[in-house]
């Protein structure tokens, strides 16, 4: 009989939502995922659960494939420099 391998779930105990709707994510979970302060994430509701995913730009697969499009660009920061 083959056993189905389940994904490992890391739990750090209960967290609370602050009055500013903020939640502190467990450092061990962030480290294991390679996430750091300031990294963009996506937060969605799926089947009554809150799901947090690393943000992936729709351009991630294109970076480096076209001449002149070799690195990710922070559009907001670039726009601020235009003035």
PDB file of N, CA and C in Angstrom:
ATOM      1  N   UNK A   1       0.841  -1.163   0.000  1.00  0.00           N
ATOM      2  CA  UNK A   1       0.000   0.000   0.000  1.00  0.00           C
ATOM      3  C   UNK A   1       0.897   1.240   0.000  1.00  0.00           C
ATOM      4  N   UNK A   2       0.618   2.173  -0.913  1.00  0.00           N
ATOM      5  CA  UNK A   2       1.390   3.402  -0.980  1.00  0.00           C
ATOM      6  C   UNK A   2       0.778   4.444  -0.062  1.00  0.00           C
ATOM      7  N   UNK A   3       1.646   5.149   0.620  1.00  0.00           N
ATOM      8  CA  UNK A   3       1.178   6.226   1.491  1.00  0.00           C
ATOM      9  C   UNK A   3       1.294   7.546   0.759  1.00  0.00           C
ATOM     10  N   UNK A   4       0.243   8.305   0.838  1.00  0.00           N
ATOM     11  CA  UNK A   4       0.254   9.617   0.212  1.00  0.00           C
ATOM     12  C   UNK A   4       1.038  10.569   1.109  1.00  0.00           C
ATOM     13  N   UNK A   5       2.005  11.261   0.525  1.00  0.00           N
ATOM     14  CA  UNK A   5       2.827  12.182   1.294  1.00  0.00           C
ATOM     15  C   UNK A   5       2.084  13.507   1.446  1.00  0.00           C
ATOM     16  N   UNK A   6       1.870  13.907   2.690  1.00  0.00           N
ATOM     17  CA  UNK A   6       1.183  15.167   2.962  1.00  0.00           C
ATOM     18  C   UNK A   6       2.192  16.296   3.086  1.00  0.00           C
ATOM     19  N   UNK A   7       1.791  17.495   2.700  1.00  0.00           N
ATOM     20  CA  UNK A   7       2.707  18.618   2.909  1.00  0.00           C
ATOM     21  C   UNK A   7       2.862  18.892   4.398  1.00  0.00           C
ATOM     22  N   UNK A   8       4.062  19.291   4.788  1.00  0.00           N
ATOM     23  CA  UNK A   8       4.321  19.580   6.196  1.00  0.00           C
ATOM     24  C   UNK A   8       3.657  20.897   6.565  1.00  0.00           C
ATOM     25  N   UNK A   9       2.965  20.910   7.672  1.00  0.00           N
ATOM     26  CA  UNK A   9       2.298  22.107   8.156  1.00  0.00           C
ATOM     27  C   UNK A   9       3.020  22.575   9.405  1.00  0.00           C
ATOM     28  N   UNK A  10       3.469  23.820   9.396  1.00  0.00           N
ATOM     29  CA  UNK A  10       4.143  24.391  10.563  1.00  0.00           C
ATOM     30  C   UNK A  10       3.136  25.243  11.314  1.00  0.00           C
ATOM     31  N   UNK A  11       2.983  24.956  12.574  1.00  0.00           N
ATOM     32  CA  UNK A  11       2.063  25.718  13.414  1.00  0.00           C
ATOM     33  C   UNK A  11       2.850  26.356  14.542  1.00  0.00           C
ATOM     34  N   UNK A  12       2.496  27.581  14.860  1.00  0.00           N
ATOM     35  CA  UNK A  12       3.206  28.296  15.913  1.00  0.00           C
ATOM     36  C   UNK A  12       2.262  28.727  17.021  1.00  0.00           C
ATOM     37  N   UNK A  13       1.065  28.202  17.041  1.00  0.00           N
ATOM     38  CA  UNK A  13       0.110  28.598  18.068  1.00  0.00           C
ATOM     39  C   UNK A  13      -0.783  29.720  17.585  1.00  0.00           C
ATOM     40  N   UNK A  14      -1.681  30.142  18.439  1.00  0.00           N
ATOM     41  CA  UNK A  14      -2.641  31.163  18.032  1.00  0.00           C
ATOM     42  C   UNK A  14      -1.981  32.534  17.868  1.00  0.00           C
ATOM     43  N   UNK A  15      -2.517  33.308  16.960  1.00  0.00           N
ATOM     44  CA  UNK A  15      -2.099  34.693  16.755  1.00  0.00           C
ATOM     45  C   UNK A  15      -3.340  35.554  16.923  1.00  0.00           C
ATOM     46  N   UNK A  16      -3.138  36.816  17.072  1.00  0.00           N
ATOM     47  CA  UNK A  16      -4.268  37.731  17.236  1.00  0.00           C
ATOM     48  C   UNK A  16      -4.200  38.824  16.183  1.00  0.00           C
ATOM     49  N   UNK A  17      -5.361  39.325  15.816  1.00  0.00           N
ATOM     50  CA  UNK A  17      -5.451  40.448  14.895  1.00  0.00           C
ATOM     51  C   UNK A  17      -5.469  41.718  15.740  1.00  0.00           C
ATOM     52  N   UNK A  18      -4.569  42.653  15.445  1.00  0.00           N
ATOM     53  CA  UNK A  18      -4.486  43.890  16.221  1.00  0.00           C
ATOM     54  C   UNK A  18      -5.625  44.838  15.832  1.00  0.00           C
ATOM     55  N   UNK A  19      -5.744  45.931  16.571  1.00  0.00           N
ATOM     56  CA  UNK A  19      -6.776  46.924  16.269  1.00  0.00           C
ATOM     57  C   UNK A  19      -6.537  47.580  14.906  1.00  0.00           C
ATOM     58  N   UNK A  20      -5.317  47.437  14.371  1.00  0.00           N
ATOM     59  CA  UNK A  20      -4.996  47.971  13.040  1.00  0.00           C
ATOM     60  C   UNK A  20      -5.039  46.867  11.978  1.00  0.00           C
ATOM     61  N   UNK A  21      -5.693  45.749  12.302  1.00  0.00           N
ATOM     62  CA  UNK A  21      -5.817  44.600  11.392  1.00  0.00           C
ATOM     63  C   UNK A  21      -4.471  43.998  11.010  1.00  0.00           C
ATOM     64  N   UNK A  22      -3.503  44.032  11.912  1.00  0.00           N
ATOM     65  CA  UNK A  22      -2.188  43.470  11.655  1.00  0.00           C
ATOM     66  C   UNK A  22      -2.036  42.137  12.371  1.00  0.00           C
ATOM     67  N   UNK A  23      -1.286  41.224  11.743  1.00  0.00           N
ATOM     68  CA  UNK A  23      -0.981  39.923  12.326  1.00  0.00           C
ATOM     69  C   UNK A  23       0.527  39.723  12.192  1.00  0.00           C
ATOM     70  N   UNK A  24       1.153  39.257  13.269  1.00  0.00           N
ATOM     71  CA  UNK A  24       2.577  38.942  13.212  1.00  0.00           C
ATOM     72  C   UNK A  24       2.727  37.489  12.808  1.00  0.00           C
ATOM     73  N   UNK A  25       3.496  37.253  11.752  1.00  0.00           N
ATOM     74  CA  UNK A  25       3.714  35.893  11.262  1.00  0.00           C
ATOM     75  C   UNK A  25       4.916  35.287  11.986  1.00  0.00           C
ATOM     76  N   UNK A  26       4.866  34.008  12.313  1.00  0.00           N
ATOM     77  CA  UNK A  26       5.961  33.361  13.035  1.00  0.00           C
ATOM     78  C   UNK A  26       7.276  33.418  12.254  1.00  0.00           C
ATOM     79  N   UNK A  27       8.345  33.832  12.934  1.00  0.00           N
ATOM     80  CA  UNK A  27       9.654  33.971  12.296  1.00  0.00           C
ATOM     81  C   UNK A  27      10.138  32.653  11.701  1.00  0.00           C
ATOM     82  N   UNK A  28       9.900  31.536  12.370  1.00  0.00           N
ATOM     83  CA  UNK A  28      10.369  30.236  11.874  1.00  0.00           C
ATOM     84  C   UNK A  28       9.716  29.896  10.538  1.00  0.00           C
ATOM     85  N   UNK A  29       8.447  30.217  10.397  1.00  0.00           N
ATOM     86  CA  UNK A  29       7.736  29.936   9.142  1.00  0.00           C
ATOM     87  C   UNK A  29       8.287  30.826   8.033  1.00  0.00           C
ATOM     88  N   UNK A  30       8.495  32.109   8.333  1.00  0.00           N
ATOM     89  CA  UNK A  30       9.040  33.029   7.326  1.00  0.00           C
ATOM     90  C   UNK A  30      10.433  32.602   6.891  1.00  0.00           C
ATOM     91  N   UNK A  31      11.273  32.209   7.859  1.00  0.00           N
ATOM     92  CA  UNK A  31      12.624  31.745   7.518  1.00  0.00           C
ATOM     93  C   UNK A  31      12.572  30.525   6.617  1.00  0.00           C
ATOM     94  N   UNK A  32      11.699  29.587   6.950  1.00  0.00           N
ATOM     95  CA  UNK A  32      11.641  28.353   6.152  1.00  0.00           C
ATOM     96  C   UNK A  32      11.187  28.624   4.728  1.00  0.00           C
ATOM     97  N   UNK A  33      10.448  29.706   4.528  1.00  0.00           N
ATOM     98  CA  UNK A  33       9.977  30.066   3.190  1.00  0.00           C
ATOM     99  C   UNK A  33      10.880  31.085   2.502  1.00  0.00           C
ATOM    100  N   UNK A  34      11.883  31.569   3.212  1.00  0.00           N
ATOM    101  CA  UNK A  34      12.788  32.556   2.628  1.00  0.00           C
ATOM    102  C   UNK A  34      12.149  33.928   2.464  1.00  0.00           C
ATOM    103  N   UNK A  35      11.166  34.248   3.305  1.00  0.00           N
ATOM    104  CA  UNK A  35      10.506  35.550   3.240  1.00  0.00           C
ATOM    105  C   UNK A  35      11.152  36.508   4.243  1.00  0.00           C
ATOM    106  N   UNK A  36      11.205  37.787   3.877  1.00  0.00           N
ATOM    107  CA  UNK A  36      11.833  38.806   4.714  1.00  0.00           C
ATOM    108  C   UNK A  36      10.924  40.025   4.814  1.00  0.00           C
ATOM    109  N   UNK A  37      11.205  40.886   5.780  1.00  0.00           N
ATOM    110  CA  UNK A  37      10.440  42.120   5.945  1.00  0.00           C
ATOM    111  C   UNK A  37      10.436  42.888   4.628  1.00  0.00           C
ATOM    112  N   UNK A  38       9.279  43.336   4.222  1.00  0.00           N
ATOM    113  CA  UNK A  38       9.138  44.100   2.982  1.00  0.00           C
ATOM    114  C   UNK A  38       8.823  43.268   1.755  1.00  0.00           C
ATOM    115  N   UNK A  39       8.934  41.944   1.845  1.00  0.00           N
ATOM    116  CA  UNK A  39       8.604  41.099   0.690  1.00  0.00           C
ATOM    117  C   UNK A  39       7.100  41.171   0.405  1.00  0.00           C
ATOM    118  N   UNK A  40       6.722  41.256  -0.858  1.00  0.00           N
ATOM    119  CA  UNK A  40       5.294  41.288  -1.181  1.00  0.00           C
ATOM    120  C   UNK A  40       4.662  39.905  -1.047  1.00  0.00           C
ATOM    121  N   UNK A  41       3.444  39.874  -0.543  1.00  0.00           N
ATOM    122  CA  UNK A  41       2.690  38.627  -0.411  1.00  0.00           C
ATOM    123  C   UNK A  41       1.264  38.869  -0.907  1.00  0.00           C
ATOM    124  N   UNK A  42       0.578  37.812  -1.243  1.00  0.00           N
ATOM    125  CA  UNK A  42      -0.834  37.869  -1.623  1.00  0.00           C
ATOM    126  C   UNK A  42      -1.637  37.199  -0.515  1.00  0.00           C
ATOM    127  N   UNK A  43      -2.750  37.799  -0.136  1.00  0.00           N
ATOM    128  CA  UNK A  43      -3.611  37.248   0.898  1.00  0.00           C
ATOM    129  C   UNK A  43      -5.003  37.059   0.285  1.00  0.00           C
ATOM    130  N   UNK A  44      -5.508  35.830   0.375  1.00  0.00           N
ATOM    131  CA  UNK A  44      -6.795  35.498  -0.228  1.00  0.00           C
ATOM    132  C   UNK A  44      -7.620  34.656   0.732  1.00  0.00           C
ATOM    133  N   UNK A  45      -8.891  34.584   0.457  1.00  0.00           N
ATOM    134  CA  UNK A  45      -9.791  33.692   1.195  1.00  0.00           C
ATOM    135  C   UNK A  45     -10.135  32.541   0.256  1.00  0.00           C
ATOM    136  N   UNK A  46      -9.955  31.327   0.755  1.00  0.00           N
ATOM    137  CA  UNK A  46     -10.288  30.125  -0.018  1.00  0.00           C
ATOM    138  C   UNK A  46     -11.029  29.161   0.895  1.00  0.00           C
ATOM    139  N   UNK A  47     -12.258  28.881   0.566  1.00  0.00           N
ATOM    140  CA  UNK A  47     -13.053  27.907   1.321  1.00  0.00           C
ATOM    141  C   UNK A  47     -13.050  28.182   2.828  1.00  0.00           C
ATOM    142  N   UNK A  48     -13.213  29.446   3.205  1.00  0.00           N
ATOM    143  CA  UNK A  48     -13.279  29.797   4.614  1.00  0.00           C
ATOM    144  C   UNK A  48     -11.934  29.873   5.315  1.00  0.00           C
ATOM    145  N   UNK A  49     -10.839  29.795   4.570  1.00  0.00           N
ATOM    146  CA  UNK A  49      -9.497  29.869   5.146  1.00  0.00           C
ATOM    147  C   UNK A  49      -8.783  31.102   4.607  1.00  0.00           C
ATOM    148  N   UNK A  50      -7.887  31.652   5.404  1.00  0.00           N
ATOM    149  CA  UNK A  50      -7.026  32.732   4.946  1.00  0.00           C
ATOM    150  C   UNK A  50      -5.763  32.083   4.393  1.00  0.00           C
ATOM    151  N   UNK A  51      -5.422  32.403   3.161  1.00  0.00           N
ATOM    152  CA  UNK A  51      -4.253  31.821   2.502  1.00  0.00           C
ATOM    153  C   UNK A  51      -3.278  32.953   2.180  1.00  0.00           C
ATOM    154  N   UNK A  52      -2.036  32.787   2.611  1.00  0.00           N
ATOM    155  CA  UNK A  52      -0.984  33.759   2.341  1.00  0.00           C
ATOM    156  C   UNK A  52       0.022  33.093   1.407  1.00  0.00           C
ATOM    157  N   UNK A  53       0.301  33.760   0.292  1.00  0.00           N
ATOM    158  CA  UNK A  53       1.247  33.218  -0.691  1.00  0.00           C
ATOM    159  C   UNK A  53       2.286  34.277  -1.041  1.00  0.00           C
ATOM    160  N   UNK A  54       3.480  33.810  -1.364  1.00  0.00           N
ATOM    161  CA  UNK A  54       4.512  34.709  -1.882  1.00  0.00           C
ATOM    162  C   UNK A  54       3.957  35.327  -3.166  1.00  0.00           C
ATOM    163  N   UNK A  55       4.090  36.631  -3.317  1.00  0.00           N
ATOM    164  CA  UNK A  55       3.581  37.300  -4.513  1.00  0.00           C
ATOM    165  C   UNK A  55       4.463  36.955  -5.699  1.00  0.00           C
ATOM    166  N   UNK A  56       3.865  36.583  -6.760  1.00  0.00           N
ATOM    167  CA  UNK A  56       4.570  36.301  -8.016  1.00  0.00           C
ATOM    168  C   UNK A  56       4.019  37.231  -9.077  1.00  0.00           C
ATOM    169  N   UNK A  57       4.892  38.033  -9.641  1.00  0.00           N
ATOM    170  CA  UNK A  57       4.485  38.933 -10.707  1.00  0.00           C
ATOM    171  C   UNK A  57       4.221  38.116 -11.961  1.00  0.00           C
ATOM    172  N   UNK A  58       3.292  38.565 -12.749  1.00  0.00           N
ATOM    173  CA  UNK A  58       3.026  37.845 -14.005  1.00  0.00           C
ATOM    174  C   UNK A  58       4.193  37.994 -14.969  1.00  0.00           C
ATOM    175  N   UNK A  59       5.153  38.876 -14.647  1.00  0.00           N
ATOM    176  CA  UNK A  59       6.324  39.073 -15.500  1.00  0.00           C
ATOM    177  C   UNK A  59       7.518  38.238 -15.061  1.00  0.00           C
ATOM    178  N   UNK A  60       7.416  37.511 -13.947  1.00  0.00           N
ATOM    179  CA  UNK A  60       8.548  36.728 -13.436  1.00  0.00           C
ATOM    180  C   UNK A  60       9.111  35.776 -14.485  1.00  0.00           C
ATOM    181  N   UNK A  61       8.269  35.158 -15.281  1.00  0.00           N
ATOM    182  CA  UNK A  61       8.736  34.213 -16.290  1.00  0.00           C
ATOM    183  C   UNK A  61       9.353  34.868 -17.500  1.00  0.00           C
ATOM    184  N   UNK A  62       9.197  36.188 -17.629  1.00  0.00           N
ATOM    185  CA  UNK A  62       9.694  36.904 -18.800  1.00  0.00           C
ATOM    186  C   UNK A  62      11.052  37.539 -18.534  1.00  0.00           C
ATOM    187  N   UNK A  63      11.329  37.846 -17.269  1.00  0.00           N
ATOM    188  CA  UNK A  63      12.579  38.521 -16.924  1.00  0.00           C
ATOM    189  C   UNK A  63      13.763  37.718 -17.462  1.00  0.00           C
ATOM    190  N   UNK A  64      14.618  38.396 -18.215  1.00  0.00           N
ATOM    191  CA  UNK A  64      15.810  37.762 -18.768  1.00  0.00           C
ATOM    192  C   UNK A  64      15.607  37.108 -20.120  1.00  0.00           C
ATOM    193  N   UNK A  65      14.375  37.089 -20.635  1.00  0.00           N
ATOM    194  CA  UNK A  65      14.141  36.440 -21.927  1.00  0.00           C
ATOM    195  C   UNK A  65      14.108  37.419 -23.087  1.00  0.00           C
ATOM    196  N   UNK A  66      13.965  38.701 -22.794  1.00  0.00           N
ATOM    197  CA  UNK A  66      13.915  39.719 -23.841  1.00  0.00           C
ATOM    198  C   UNK A  66      15.074  40.687 -23.670  1.00  0.00           C
ATOM    199  N   UNK A  67      15.686  41.138 -24.766  1.00  0.00           N
ATOM    200  CA  UNK A  67      16.774  42.119 -24.648  1.00  0.00           C
ATOM    201  C   UNK A  67      16.277  43.376 -23.931  1.00  0.00           C
ATOM    202  N   UNK A  68      17.037  43.853 -22.968  1.00  0.00           N
ATOM    203  CA  UNK A  68      16.678  45.060 -22.242  1.00  0.00           C
ATOM    204  C   UNK A  68      15.705  44.816 -21.097  1.00  0.00           C
ATOM    205  N   UNK A  69      15.252  43.601 -20.930  1.00  0.00           N
ATOM    206  CA  UNK A  69      14.304  43.257 -19.861  1.00  0.00           C
ATOM    207  C   UNK A  69      14.971  42.194 -19.013  1.00  0.00           C
ATOM    208  N   UNK A  70      16.035  42.614 -18.313  1.00  0.00           N
ATOM    209  CA  UNK A  70      16.874  41.638 -17.629  1.00  0.00           C
ATOM    210  C   UNK A  70      16.719  41.588 -16.126  1.00  0.00           C
ATOM    211  N   UNK A  71      16.015  42.551 -15.544  1.00  0.00           N
ATOM    212  CA  UNK A  71      15.848  42.512 -14.091  1.00  0.00           C
ATOM    213  C   UNK A  71      14.509  43.109 -13.709  1.00  0.00           C
ATOM    214  N   UNK A  72      14.047  42.732 -12.546  1.00  0.00           N
ATOM    215  CA  UNK A  72      12.787  43.271 -12.049  1.00  0.00           C
ATOM    216  C   UNK A  72      12.965  44.752 -11.745  1.00  0.00           C
ATOM    217  N   UNK A  73      11.934  45.527 -12.010  1.00  0.00           N
ATOM    218  CA  UNK A  73      11.979  46.966 -11.791  1.00  0.00           C
ATOM    219  C   UNK A  73      10.836  47.349 -10.876  1.00  0.00           C
ATOM    220  N   UNK A  74      11.146  48.170  -9.884  1.00  0.00           N
ATOM    221  CA  UNK A  74      10.124  48.703  -8.992  1.00  0.00           C
ATOM    222  C   UNK A  74       9.536  49.927  -9.688  1.00  0.00           C
ATOM    223  N   UNK A  75       8.400  49.752 -10.350  1.00  0.00           N
ATOM    224  CA  UNK A  75       7.780  50.807 -11.146  1.00  0.00           C
ATOM    225  C   UNK A  75       7.479  52.022 -10.303  1.00  0.00           C
ATOM    226  N   UNK A  76       6.953  51.820  -9.081  1.00  0.00           N
ATOM    227  CA  UNK A  76       6.620  52.951  -8.207  1.00  0.00           C
ATOM    228  C   UNK A  76       7.865  53.786  -7.902  1.00  0.00           C
ATOM    229  N   UNK A  77       8.974  53.136  -7.578  1.00  0.00           N
ATOM    230  CA  UNK A  77      10.214  53.860  -7.268  1.00  0.00           C
ATOM    231  C   UNK A  77      10.727  54.579  -8.509  1.00  0.00           C
ATOM    232  N   UNK A  78      10.664  53.941  -9.661  1.00  0.00           N
ATOM    233  CA  UNK A  78      11.093  54.574 -10.901  1.00  0.00           C
ATOM    234  C   UNK A  78      10.256  55.809 -11.207  1.00  0.00           C
ATOM    235  N   UNK A  79       8.958  55.704 -11.015  1.00  0.00           N
ATOM    236  CA  UNK A  79       8.054  56.822 -11.294  1.00  0.00           C
ATOM    237  C   UNK A  79       8.362  57.993 -10.373  1.00  0.00           C
ATOM    238  N   UNK A  80       8.697  57.713  -9.099  1.00  0.00           N
ATOM    239  CA  UNK A  80       9.037  58.772  -8.158  1.00  0.00           C
ATOM    240  C   UNK A  80      10.281  59.543  -8.623  1.00  0.00           C
ATOM    241  N   UNK A  81      11.172  58.882  -9.316  1.00  0.00           N
ATOM    242  CA  UNK A  81      12.398  59.522  -9.791  1.00  0.00           C
ATOM    243  C   UNK A  81      12.220  60.344 -11.058  1.00  0.00           C
ATOM    244  N   UNK A  82      11.074  60.276 -11.675  1.00  0.00           N
ATOM    245  CA  UNK A  82      10.839  61.013 -12.931  1.00  0.00           C
ATOM    246  C   UNK A  82      10.621  62.506 -12.728  1.00  0.00           C
ATOM    247  N   UNK A  83      10.268  62.909 -11.516  1.00  0.00           N
ATOM    248  CA  UNK A  83       9.916  64.324 -11.311  1.00  0.00           C
ATOM    249  C   UNK A  83      11.080  65.259 -11.278  1.00  0.00           C
TER     250      UNK A  83
END
